[in-house]
Amino acid sequence: MGRIISNFFISLDGVVEAPDKWHFPYFDDDMGAVVSDGMAANTAFLMGRTLYDEWAAYWPESTDEPFASHFNEATKYVVSSSLTDPAWQNTTVLRDVEAVRRVKDATDGDIGMSGSATTVRRLLAGGLLDELRLLVHPIVVGRGQRLFEDTATHKLALTRSRTLSSGVLDLAYTPAS
């Protein structure tokens, strides 16, 4: 059985939307190693429809290596009730949380996620999220989608914490039993 591991760039006030507008000043070799290590461990990649639309428009034409090759060649799953014919190579549409459960059960290794806050909330509520990794940036963004908006209470257990040289906190949580 696979593990679903979600990764977010997140501000101190919980904003995860549009990290391209605020997180790059903090991206250094330490953070690059954290991101690269996480990507290397993934067997597949899971995302929501909004992220799929953004990344399917960007990565197939990107020359930002090694990330472009990684994302383009990876097995990708997109949770969507409306997407019917994904154009991005190696992409399979999953209609609901039960389809995600079947993929997780049939996968050997980690299924990585980046972004897709709505999907992460659904997976956490459905008992499918195995680990939540946060790179907490020392910035208050003020506006934008927050990771946990209008959600039920979920207890989490801290499994890793360290401070990167940029002041970003590298945190990992698992659902508490």
N, C-alpha and C. Protein backbone atom coordinates (compact mmCIF):
# COMPACT_ATOMS: atom_id res chain seq x y z
N MET A 1 0.83 -1.18 0.00
CA MET A 1 0.00 0.00 0.00
C MET A 1 0.88 1.24 0.00
N GLY A 2 0.49 2.22 -0.80
CA GLY A 2 1.23 3.46 -0.87
C GLY A 2 0.89 4.40 0.27
N ARG A 3 1.65 5.47 0.34
CA ARG A 3 1.41 6.53 1.32
C ARG A 3 1.19 7.82 0.55
N ILE A 4 0.20 8.60 0.95
CA ILE A 4 -0.04 9.90 0.33
C ILE A 4 0.60 10.96 1.20
N ILE A 5 1.52 11.69 0.59
CA ILE A 5 2.29 12.71 1.31
C ILE A 5 2.08 14.05 0.64
N SER A 6 1.54 14.99 1.38
CA SER A 6 1.24 16.31 0.85
C SER A 6 2.32 17.31 1.27
N ASN A 7 2.69 18.17 0.34
CA ASN A 7 3.74 19.18 0.58
C ASN A 7 3.19 20.57 0.26
N PHE A 8 3.48 21.52 1.14
CA PHE A 8 3.03 22.89 0.91
C PHE A 8 4.12 23.89 1.26
N PHE A 9 4.21 24.94 0.44
CA PHE A 9 4.85 26.17 0.84
C PHE A 9 3.72 26.95 1.51
N ILE A 10 3.94 27.41 2.73
CA ILE A 10 2.87 28.04 3.50
C ILE A 10 3.43 29.24 4.26
N SER A 11 2.64 30.29 4.37
CA SER A 11 3.05 31.48 5.12
C SER A 11 2.69 31.31 6.59
N LEU A 12 3.19 32.19 7.42
CA LEU A 12 2.87 32.13 8.86
C LEU A 12 1.38 32.25 9.12
N ASP A 13 0.66 32.97 8.25
CA ASP A 13 -0.78 33.11 8.45
C ASP A 13 -1.58 32.05 7.70
N GLY A 14 -0.91 30.98 7.25
CA GLY A 14 -1.60 29.83 6.69
C GLY A 14 -1.93 29.90 5.22
N VAL A 15 -1.46 30.94 4.52
CA VAL A 15 -1.76 31.08 3.10
C VAL A 15 -0.90 30.11 2.29
N VAL A 16 -1.57 29.40 1.38
CA VAL A 16 -0.86 28.49 0.47
C VAL A 16 -1.05 28.90 -0.99
N GLU A 17 -1.92 29.84 -1.23
CA GLU A 17 -2.21 30.29 -2.60
C GLU A 17 -1.06 31.12 -3.17
N ALA A 18 -0.77 30.87 -4.44
CA ALA A 18 0.19 31.66 -5.22
C ALA A 18 1.56 31.82 -4.53
N PRO A 19 2.18 30.72 -4.10
CA PRO A 19 3.50 30.86 -3.45
C PRO A 19 4.54 31.46 -4.39
N ASP A 20 4.31 31.38 -5.70
CA ASP A 20 5.25 31.99 -6.65
C ASP A 20 5.37 33.49 -6.43
N LYS A 21 4.43 34.09 -5.74
CA LYS A 21 4.46 35.53 -5.49
C LYS A 21 5.19 35.91 -4.20
N TRP A 22 5.49 34.92 -3.32
CA TRP A 22 6.09 35.28 -2.04
C TRP A 22 7.17 34.33 -1.53
N HIS A 23 7.31 33.16 -2.09
CA HIS A 23 8.23 32.20 -1.47
C HIS A 23 9.64 32.19 -2.07
N PHE A 24 9.83 32.66 -3.29
CA PHE A 24 11.14 32.54 -3.93
C PHE A 24 12.29 33.22 -3.20
N PRO A 25 12.10 34.35 -2.51
CA PRO A 25 13.23 34.91 -1.76
C PRO A 25 13.78 33.97 -0.68
N TYR A 26 13.01 32.97 -0.30
CA TYR A 26 13.43 32.03 0.74
C TYR A 26 13.98 30.72 0.16
N PHE A 27 13.88 30.55 -1.15
CA PHE A 27 14.33 29.30 -1.76
C PHE A 27 15.85 29.33 -1.88
N ASP A 28 16.49 28.42 -1.16
CA ASP A 28 17.95 28.34 -1.17
C ASP A 28 18.34 26.87 -1.31
N ASP A 29 19.62 26.57 -1.15
CA ASP A 29 20.09 25.19 -1.30
C ASP A 29 19.44 24.24 -0.28
N ASP A 30 19.23 24.73 0.96
CA ASP A 30 18.58 23.89 1.97
C ASP A 30 17.18 23.49 1.53
N MET A 31 16.40 24.48 1.09
CA MET A 31 15.04 24.18 0.66
C MET A 31 15.05 23.33 -0.60
N GLY A 32 15.98 23.61 -1.50
CA GLY A 32 16.10 22.81 -2.71
C GLY A 32 16.35 21.34 -2.39
N ALA A 33 17.15 21.08 -1.38
CA ALA A 33 17.42 19.70 -0.97
C ALA A 33 16.17 19.04 -0.39
N VAL A 34 15.41 19.78 0.41
CA VAL A 34 14.17 19.24 0.98
C VAL A 34 13.20 18.88 -0.15
N VAL A 35 13.03 19.79 -1.10
CA VAL A 35 12.10 19.57 -2.22
C VAL A 35 12.58 18.41 -3.09
N SER A 36 13.86 18.39 -3.41
CA SER A 36 14.41 17.32 -4.26
C SER A 36 14.31 15.95 -3.60
N ASP A 37 14.61 15.89 -2.30
CA ASP A 37 14.51 14.61 -1.58
C ASP A 37 13.07 14.10 -1.59
N GLY A 38 12.13 14.99 -1.39
CA GLY A 38 10.72 14.59 -1.41
C GLY A 38 10.29 14.10 -2.78
N MET A 39 10.71 14.79 -3.83
CA MET A 39 10.36 14.39 -5.19
C MET A 39 10.96 13.04 -5.54
N ALA A 40 12.19 12.81 -5.13
CA ALA A 40 12.89 11.56 -5.46
C ALA A 40 12.21 10.34 -4.85
N ALA A 41 11.53 10.54 -3.74
CA ALA A 41 10.89 9.41 -3.05
C ALA A 41 9.52 9.06 -3.62
N ASN A 42 8.98 9.90 -4.52
CA ASN A 42 7.63 9.69 -5.04
C ASN A 42 7.58 8.64 -6.14
N THR A 43 6.60 7.77 -6.04
CA THR A 43 6.29 6.80 -7.08
C THR A 43 5.29 7.39 -8.07
N ALA A 44 4.42 8.27 -7.58
CA ALA A 44 3.38 8.91 -8.38
C ALA A 44 3.08 10.26 -7.78
N PHE A 45 2.25 11.02 -8.51
CA PHE A 45 1.91 12.37 -8.08
C PHE A 45 0.40 12.54 -8.15
N LEU A 46 -0.19 13.13 -7.11
CA LEU A 46 -1.63 13.33 -7.01
C LEU A 46 -1.91 14.82 -6.90
N MET A 47 -2.96 15.28 -7.60
CA MET A 47 -3.30 16.70 -7.55
C MET A 47 -4.79 16.91 -7.78
N GLY A 48 -5.25 18.09 -7.42
CA GLY A 48 -6.61 18.50 -7.71
C GLY A 48 -6.68 19.11 -9.10
N ARG A 49 -7.88 19.42 -9.54
CA ARG A 49 -8.10 19.92 -10.90
C ARG A 49 -7.45 21.27 -11.15
N THR A 50 -7.53 22.19 -10.20
CA THR A 50 -6.95 23.52 -10.41
C THR A 50 -5.44 23.42 -10.62
N LEU A 51 -4.75 22.67 -9.77
CA LEU A 51 -3.31 22.51 -9.93
C LEU A 51 -2.99 21.80 -11.24
N TYR A 52 -3.79 20.79 -11.58
CA TYR A 52 -3.58 20.10 -12.86
C TYR A 52 -3.63 21.10 -14.01
N ASP A 53 -4.65 21.94 -14.05
CA ASP A 53 -4.79 22.90 -15.14
C ASP A 53 -3.57 23.83 -15.22
N GLU A 54 -3.11 24.30 -14.06
CA GLU A 54 -1.95 25.21 -14.03
C GLU A 54 -0.69 24.49 -14.50
N TRP A 55 -0.44 23.31 -13.95
CA TRP A 55 0.80 22.60 -14.25
C TRP A 55 0.81 21.99 -15.63
N ALA A 56 -0.35 21.53 -16.11
CA ALA A 56 -0.42 20.95 -17.46
C ALA A 56 -0.18 22.03 -18.52
N ALA A 57 -0.44 23.27 -18.16
CA ALA A 57 -0.16 24.39 -19.08
C ALA A 57 1.31 24.81 -19.02
N TYR A 58 1.96 24.55 -17.89
CA TYR A 58 3.34 25.03 -17.70
C TYR A 58 4.42 23.97 -17.97
N TRP A 59 4.34 22.82 -17.29
CA TRP A 59 5.46 21.88 -17.29
C TRP A 59 5.77 21.24 -18.65
N PRO A 60 4.81 20.91 -19.49
CA PRO A 60 5.18 20.28 -20.77
C PRO A 60 6.07 21.17 -21.66
N GLU A 61 6.00 22.47 -21.48
CA GLU A 61 6.81 23.40 -22.28
C GLU A 61 8.02 23.94 -21.52
N SER A 62 8.13 23.62 -20.25
CA SER A 62 9.16 24.18 -19.39
C SER A 62 10.54 23.56 -19.67
N THR A 63 11.56 24.38 -19.49
CA THR A 63 12.95 23.91 -19.57
C THR A 63 13.61 23.97 -18.19
N ASP A 64 12.80 24.13 -17.15
CA ASP A 64 13.28 24.21 -15.77
C ASP A 64 13.60 22.80 -15.28
N GLU A 65 14.84 22.39 -15.53
CA GLU A 65 15.27 21.03 -15.18
C GLU A 65 15.95 21.02 -13.81
N PRO A 66 15.86 19.92 -13.08
CA PRO A 66 15.31 18.62 -13.44
C PRO A 66 13.81 18.50 -13.19
N PHE A 67 13.17 19.59 -12.74
CA PHE A 67 11.77 19.52 -12.36
C PHE A 67 10.85 19.20 -13.54
N ALA A 68 11.09 19.83 -14.69
CA ALA A 68 10.21 19.61 -15.85
C ALA A 68 10.19 18.14 -16.25
N SER A 69 11.35 17.53 -16.38
CA SER A 69 11.40 16.11 -16.76
C SER A 69 10.72 15.25 -15.71
N HIS A 70 10.96 15.56 -14.45
CA HIS A 70 10.35 14.77 -13.37
C HIS A 70 8.83 14.80 -13.48
N PHE A 71 8.25 15.99 -13.55
CA PHE A 71 6.79 16.10 -13.57
C PHE A 71 6.20 15.57 -14.87
N ASN A 72 6.88 15.78 -15.99
CA ASN A 72 6.34 15.31 -17.26
C ASN A 72 6.36 13.79 -17.37
N GLU A 73 7.37 13.15 -16.81
CA GLU A 73 7.50 11.70 -16.93
C GLU A 73 6.77 10.94 -15.83
N ALA A 74 6.44 11.59 -14.74
CA ALA A 74 5.82 10.93 -13.59
C ALA A 74 4.42 10.42 -13.91
N THR A 75 4.03 9.38 -13.20
CA THR A 75 2.64 8.94 -13.20
C THR A 75 1.86 9.97 -12.40
N LYS A 76 0.81 10.50 -13.01
CA LYS A 76 0.05 11.56 -12.38
C LYS A 76 -1.42 11.16 -12.27
N TYR A 77 -2.02 11.52 -11.12
CA TYR A 77 -3.44 11.31 -10.89
C TYR A 77 -4.04 12.66 -10.56
N VAL A 78 -5.18 12.96 -11.17
CA VAL A 78 -5.87 14.21 -10.88
C VAL A 78 -7.28 13.88 -10.40
N VAL A 79 -7.64 14.44 -9.24
CA VAL A 79 -8.97 14.24 -8.68
C VAL A 79 -9.89 15.29 -9.29
N SER A 80 -10.85 14.82 -10.08
CA SER A 80 -11.75 15.74 -10.77
C SER A 80 -13.03 15.03 -11.19
N SER A 81 -14.14 15.73 -11.04
CA SER A 81 -15.41 15.18 -11.52
C SER A 81 -15.74 15.74 -12.90
N SER A 82 -14.93 16.69 -13.40
CA SER A 82 -15.26 17.31 -14.68
C SER A 82 -14.22 17.06 -15.78
N LEU A 83 -12.99 16.77 -15.44
CA LEU A 83 -11.96 16.52 -16.46
C LEU A 83 -12.24 15.17 -17.12
N THR A 84 -12.28 15.16 -18.44
CA THR A 84 -12.60 13.90 -19.13
C THR A 84 -11.44 13.35 -19.95
N ASP A 85 -10.64 14.21 -20.54
CA ASP A 85 -9.58 13.73 -21.41
C ASP A 85 -8.29 14.50 -21.13
N PRO A 86 -7.55 14.08 -20.10
CA PRO A 86 -6.33 14.83 -19.75
C PRO A 86 -5.29 14.75 -20.87
N ALA A 87 -4.76 15.89 -21.26
CA ALA A 87 -3.80 15.95 -22.34
C ALA A 87 -2.36 15.73 -21.87
N TRP A 88 -2.09 15.99 -20.60
CA TRP A 88 -0.74 15.86 -20.08
C TRP A 88 -0.40 14.38 -19.96
N GLN A 89 0.71 13.99 -20.53
CA GLN A 89 1.10 12.58 -20.57
C GLN A 89 1.11 11.94 -19.19
N ASN A 90 0.80 10.64 -19.16
CA ASN A 90 0.82 9.81 -17.95
C ASN A 90 -0.15 10.27 -16.87
N THR A 91 -1.29 10.86 -17.28
CA THR A 91 -2.27 11.36 -16.33
C THR A 91 -3.53 10.50 -16.36
N THR A 92 -4.00 10.14 -15.18
CA THR A 92 -5.25 9.40 -15.01
C THR A 92 -6.17 10.22 -14.14
N VAL A 93 -7.44 10.31 -14.52
CA VAL A 93 -8.43 11.04 -13.74
C VAL A 93 -9.07 10.11 -12.72
N LEU A 94 -9.16 10.59 -11.48
CA LEU A 94 -9.84 9.87 -10.40
C LEU A 94 -11.09 10.68 -10.05
N ARG A 95 -12.23 10.07 -10.10
CA ARG A 95 -13.50 10.79 -9.93
C ARG A 95 -13.85 11.14 -8.49
N ASP A 96 -13.35 10.36 -7.52
CA ASP A 96 -13.78 10.59 -6.14
C ASP A 96 -12.74 10.03 -5.17
N VAL A 97 -13.01 10.22 -3.90
CA VAL A 97 -12.09 9.78 -2.85
C VAL A 97 -11.93 8.25 -2.86
N GLU A 98 -12.97 7.53 -3.19
CA GLU A 98 -12.86 6.07 -3.25
C GLU A 98 -11.89 5.63 -4.34
N ALA A 99 -11.86 6.35 -5.46
CA ALA A 99 -10.90 6.04 -6.52
C ALA A 99 -9.48 6.31 -6.03
N VAL A 100 -9.30 7.36 -5.24
CA VAL A 100 -7.99 7.64 -4.64
C VAL A 100 -7.59 6.49 -3.72
N ARG A 101 -8.54 6.00 -2.94
CA ARG A 101 -8.26 4.89 -2.02
C ARG A 101 -7.78 3.66 -2.81
N ARG A 102 -8.43 3.36 -3.93
CA ARG A 102 -8.03 2.20 -4.75
C ARG A 102 -6.61 2.38 -5.30
N VAL A 103 -6.29 3.59 -5.77
CA VAL A 103 -4.94 3.86 -6.28
C VAL A 103 -3.92 3.72 -5.15
N LYS A 104 -4.23 4.27 -4.00
CA LYS A 104 -3.32 4.18 -2.85
C LYS A 104 -3.08 2.72 -2.48
N ASP A 105 -4.13 1.93 -2.45
CA ASP A 105 -4.00 0.51 -2.10
C ASP A 105 -3.17 -0.25 -3.12
N ALA A 106 -3.22 0.16 -4.38
CA ALA A 106 -2.53 -0.55 -5.46
C ALA A 106 -1.11 -0.02 -5.72
N THR A 107 -0.73 1.06 -5.06
CA THR A 107 0.58 1.69 -5.29
C THR A 107 1.59 1.21 -4.28
N ASP A 108 2.79 0.98 -4.77
CA ASP A 108 3.90 0.60 -3.91
C ASP A 108 4.82 1.81 -3.81
N GLY A 109 4.79 2.52 -2.70
CA GLY A 109 5.64 3.69 -2.53
C GLY A 109 4.82 4.93 -2.22
N ASP A 110 5.50 6.07 -2.25
CA ASP A 110 4.88 7.34 -1.89
C ASP A 110 4.18 7.97 -3.08
N ILE A 111 2.99 8.51 -2.81
CA ILE A 111 2.25 9.31 -3.78
C ILE A 111 2.36 10.74 -3.27
N GLY A 112 3.10 11.56 -3.98
CA GLY A 112 3.35 12.92 -3.54
C GLY A 112 2.28 13.88 -4.01
N MET A 113 2.12 14.94 -3.25
CA MET A 113 1.22 16.03 -3.61
C MET A 113 1.95 17.34 -3.34
N SER A 114 1.65 18.34 -4.14
CA SER A 114 2.14 19.68 -3.91
C SER A 114 0.98 20.63 -4.15
N GLY A 115 0.60 21.37 -3.15
CA GLY A 115 -0.56 22.22 -3.32
C GLY A 115 -1.84 21.42 -3.22
N SER A 116 -2.89 21.91 -3.89
CA SER A 116 -4.20 21.25 -3.90
C SER A 116 -4.81 21.19 -2.51
N ALA A 117 -4.98 22.35 -1.89
CA ALA A 117 -5.49 22.43 -0.52
C ALA A 117 -6.86 21.78 -0.36
N THR A 118 -7.76 22.01 -1.30
CA THR A 118 -9.09 21.42 -1.20
C THR A 118 -9.01 19.90 -1.21
N THR A 119 -8.20 19.35 -2.09
CA THR A 119 -8.03 17.90 -2.17
C THR A 119 -7.42 17.36 -0.89
N VAL A 120 -6.44 18.05 -0.34
CA VAL A 120 -5.81 17.60 0.91
C VAL A 120 -6.83 17.57 2.04
N ARG A 121 -7.68 18.58 2.12
CA ARG A 121 -8.70 18.58 3.18
C ARG A 121 -9.64 17.38 3.01
N ARG A 122 -10.02 17.07 1.78
CA ARG A 122 -10.89 15.91 1.54
C ARG A 122 -10.19 14.60 1.91
N LEU A 123 -8.91 14.50 1.57
CA LEU A 123 -8.17 13.28 1.88
C LEU A 123 -7.97 13.11 3.38
N LEU A 124 -7.69 14.20 4.07
CA LEU A 124 -7.54 14.15 5.52
C LEU A 124 -8.86 13.71 6.17
N ALA A 125 -9.96 14.29 5.72
CA ALA A 125 -11.27 13.93 6.26
C ALA A 125 -11.61 12.47 5.97
N GLY A 126 -11.13 11.96 4.82
CA GLY A 126 -11.41 10.58 4.43
C GLY A 126 -10.41 9.57 4.97
N GLY A 127 -9.46 10.02 5.77
CA GLY A 127 -8.48 9.11 6.36
C GLY A 127 -7.44 8.61 5.37
N LEU A 128 -7.22 9.34 4.29
CA LEU A 128 -6.28 8.89 3.25
C LEU A 128 -4.94 9.61 3.27
N LEU A 129 -4.83 10.73 3.97
CA LEU A 129 -3.57 11.47 4.01
C LEU A 129 -2.66 10.87 5.07
N ASP A 130 -1.46 10.46 4.67
CA ASP A 130 -0.52 9.83 5.60
C ASP A 130 0.46 10.80 6.22
N GLU A 131 0.81 11.85 5.49
CA GLU A 131 1.78 12.81 6.04
C GLU A 131 1.55 14.17 5.40
N LEU A 132 1.69 15.21 6.21
CA LEU A 132 1.57 16.59 5.78
C LEU A 132 2.90 17.27 6.04
N ARG A 133 3.56 17.69 4.98
CA ARG A 133 4.86 18.36 5.10
C ARG A 133 4.68 19.83 4.76
N LEU A 134 5.14 20.67 5.67
CA LEU A 134 4.98 22.11 5.50
C LEU A 134 6.33 22.80 5.52
N LEU A 135 6.55 23.67 4.57
CA LEU A 135 7.69 24.59 4.61
C LEU A 135 7.10 25.95 4.97
N VAL A 136 7.15 26.27 6.27
CA VAL A 136 6.51 27.47 6.80
C VAL A 136 7.47 28.65 6.65
N HIS A 137 7.05 29.61 5.81
CA HIS A 137 7.88 30.77 5.49
C HIS A 137 7.65 31.89 6.50
N PRO A 138 8.71 32.60 6.89
CA PRO A 138 8.56 33.68 7.86
C PRO A 138 8.03 34.96 7.20
N ILE A 139 6.79 34.85 6.71
CA ILE A 139 6.14 35.99 6.06
C ILE A 139 4.64 35.90 6.31
N VAL A 140 4.01 37.05 6.47
CA VAL A 140 2.56 37.13 6.57
C VAL A 140 2.08 37.67 5.23
N VAL A 141 1.30 36.87 4.53
CA VAL A 141 0.84 37.25 3.19
C VAL A 141 -0.44 38.08 3.26
N GLY A 142 -1.30 37.78 4.23
CA GLY A 142 -2.50 38.58 4.43
C GLY A 142 -3.73 38.11 3.69
N ARG A 143 -3.59 37.78 2.41
CA ARG A 143 -4.73 37.35 1.61
C ARG A 143 -4.39 36.11 0.83
N GLY A 144 -5.42 35.33 0.54
CA GLY A 144 -5.25 34.14 -0.27
C GLY A 144 -5.82 32.92 0.43
N GLN A 145 -5.95 31.86 -0.34
CA GLN A 145 -6.50 30.62 0.21
C GLN A 145 -5.58 30.09 1.31
N ARG A 146 -6.19 29.72 2.40
CA ARG A 146 -5.45 29.11 3.50
C ARG A 146 -5.59 27.60 3.41
N LEU A 147 -4.62 26.90 3.97
CA LEU A 147 -4.63 25.45 3.90
C LEU A 147 -5.89 24.88 4.55
N PHE A 148 -6.22 25.37 5.72
CA PHE A 148 -7.40 24.85 6.42
C PHE A 148 -8.43 25.95 6.59
N GLU A 149 -9.40 25.96 5.69
CA GLU A 149 -10.52 26.89 5.75
C GLU A 149 -11.78 26.07 5.94
N ASP A 150 -12.62 26.46 6.88
CA ASP A 150 -13.91 25.80 7.08
C ASP A 150 -13.79 24.29 7.10
N THR A 151 -12.97 23.78 7.98
CA THR A 151 -12.75 22.34 8.05
C THR A 151 -13.01 21.83 9.46
N ALA A 152 -13.21 20.55 9.55
CA ALA A 152 -13.37 19.93 10.87
C ALA A 152 -12.02 19.92 11.59
N THR A 153 -12.05 19.60 12.86
CA THR A 153 -10.84 19.50 13.65
C THR A 153 -10.14 18.18 13.34
N HIS A 154 -8.85 18.24 13.11
CA HIS A 154 -8.03 17.05 12.88
C HIS A 154 -6.78 17.17 13.74
N LYS A 155 -6.57 16.22 14.62
CA LYS A 155 -5.36 16.23 15.43
C LYS A 155 -4.22 15.63 14.62
N LEU A 156 -3.07 16.29 14.70
CA LEU A 156 -1.87 15.85 13.99
C LEU A 156 -0.73 15.68 14.97
N ALA A 157 0.20 14.81 14.63
CA ALA A 157 1.39 14.59 15.46
C ALA A 157 2.62 15.06 14.69
N LEU A 158 3.43 15.89 15.33
CA LEU A 158 4.67 16.37 14.72
C LEU A 158 5.68 15.25 14.67
N THR A 159 6.21 14.96 13.48
CA THR A 159 7.20 13.89 13.33
C THR A 159 8.58 14.42 12.94
N ARG A 160 8.65 15.66 12.46
CA ARG A 160 9.95 16.23 12.10
C ARG A 160 9.85 17.75 12.18
N SER A 161 10.90 18.37 12.68
CA SER A 161 10.97 19.83 12.67
C SER A 161 12.43 20.25 12.61
N ARG A 162 12.67 21.21 11.76
CA ARG A 162 14.00 21.83 11.72
C ARG A 162 13.87 23.19 11.08
N THR A 163 14.81 24.04 11.39
CA THR A 163 14.82 25.38 10.84
C THR A 163 15.89 25.45 9.75
N LEU A 164 15.48 25.87 8.56
CA LEU A 164 16.44 26.05 7.46
C LEU A 164 17.19 27.37 7.65
N SER A 165 18.29 27.54 6.96
CA SER A 165 19.12 28.74 7.11
C SER A 165 18.36 30.02 6.77
N SER A 166 17.31 29.92 5.94
CA SER A 166 16.51 31.08 5.54
C SER A 166 15.49 31.48 6.60
N GLY A 167 15.35 30.67 7.65
CA GLY A 167 14.33 30.90 8.66
C GLY A 167 13.04 30.15 8.38
N VAL A 168 12.98 29.44 7.26
CA VAL A 168 11.82 28.61 6.94
C VAL A 168 11.84 27.39 7.85
N LEU A 169 10.66 27.04 8.36
CA LEU A 169 10.53 25.83 9.18
C LEU A 169 10.13 24.66 8.29
N ASP A 170 10.85 23.57 8.41
CA ASP A 170 10.55 22.33 7.69
C ASP A 170 9.87 21.41 8.70
N LEU A 171 8.54 21.25 8.54
CA LEU A 171 7.74 20.49 9.50
C LEU A 171 7.05 19.33 8.82
N ALA A 172 6.91 18.22 9.52
CA ALA A 172 6.17 17.07 9.01
C ALA A 172 5.22 16.58 10.11
N TYR A 173 3.99 16.29 9.69
CA TYR A 173 2.95 15.83 10.60
C TYR A 173 2.28 14.58 10.04
N THR A 174 1.82 13.72 10.93
CA THR A 174 0.98 12.59 10.55
C THR A 174 -0.33 12.72 11.33
N PRO A 175 -1.41 12.17 10.79
CA PRO A 175 -2.65 12.19 11.57
C PRO A 175 -2.44 11.47 12.90
N ALA A 176 -2.91 12.09 13.99
CA ALA A 176 -2.77 11.47 15.31
C ALA A 176 -3.81 10.38 15.45
N SER A 177 -3.40 9.28 16.09
CA SER A 177 -4.39 8.21 16.27
C SER A 177 -5.13 8.35 17.57
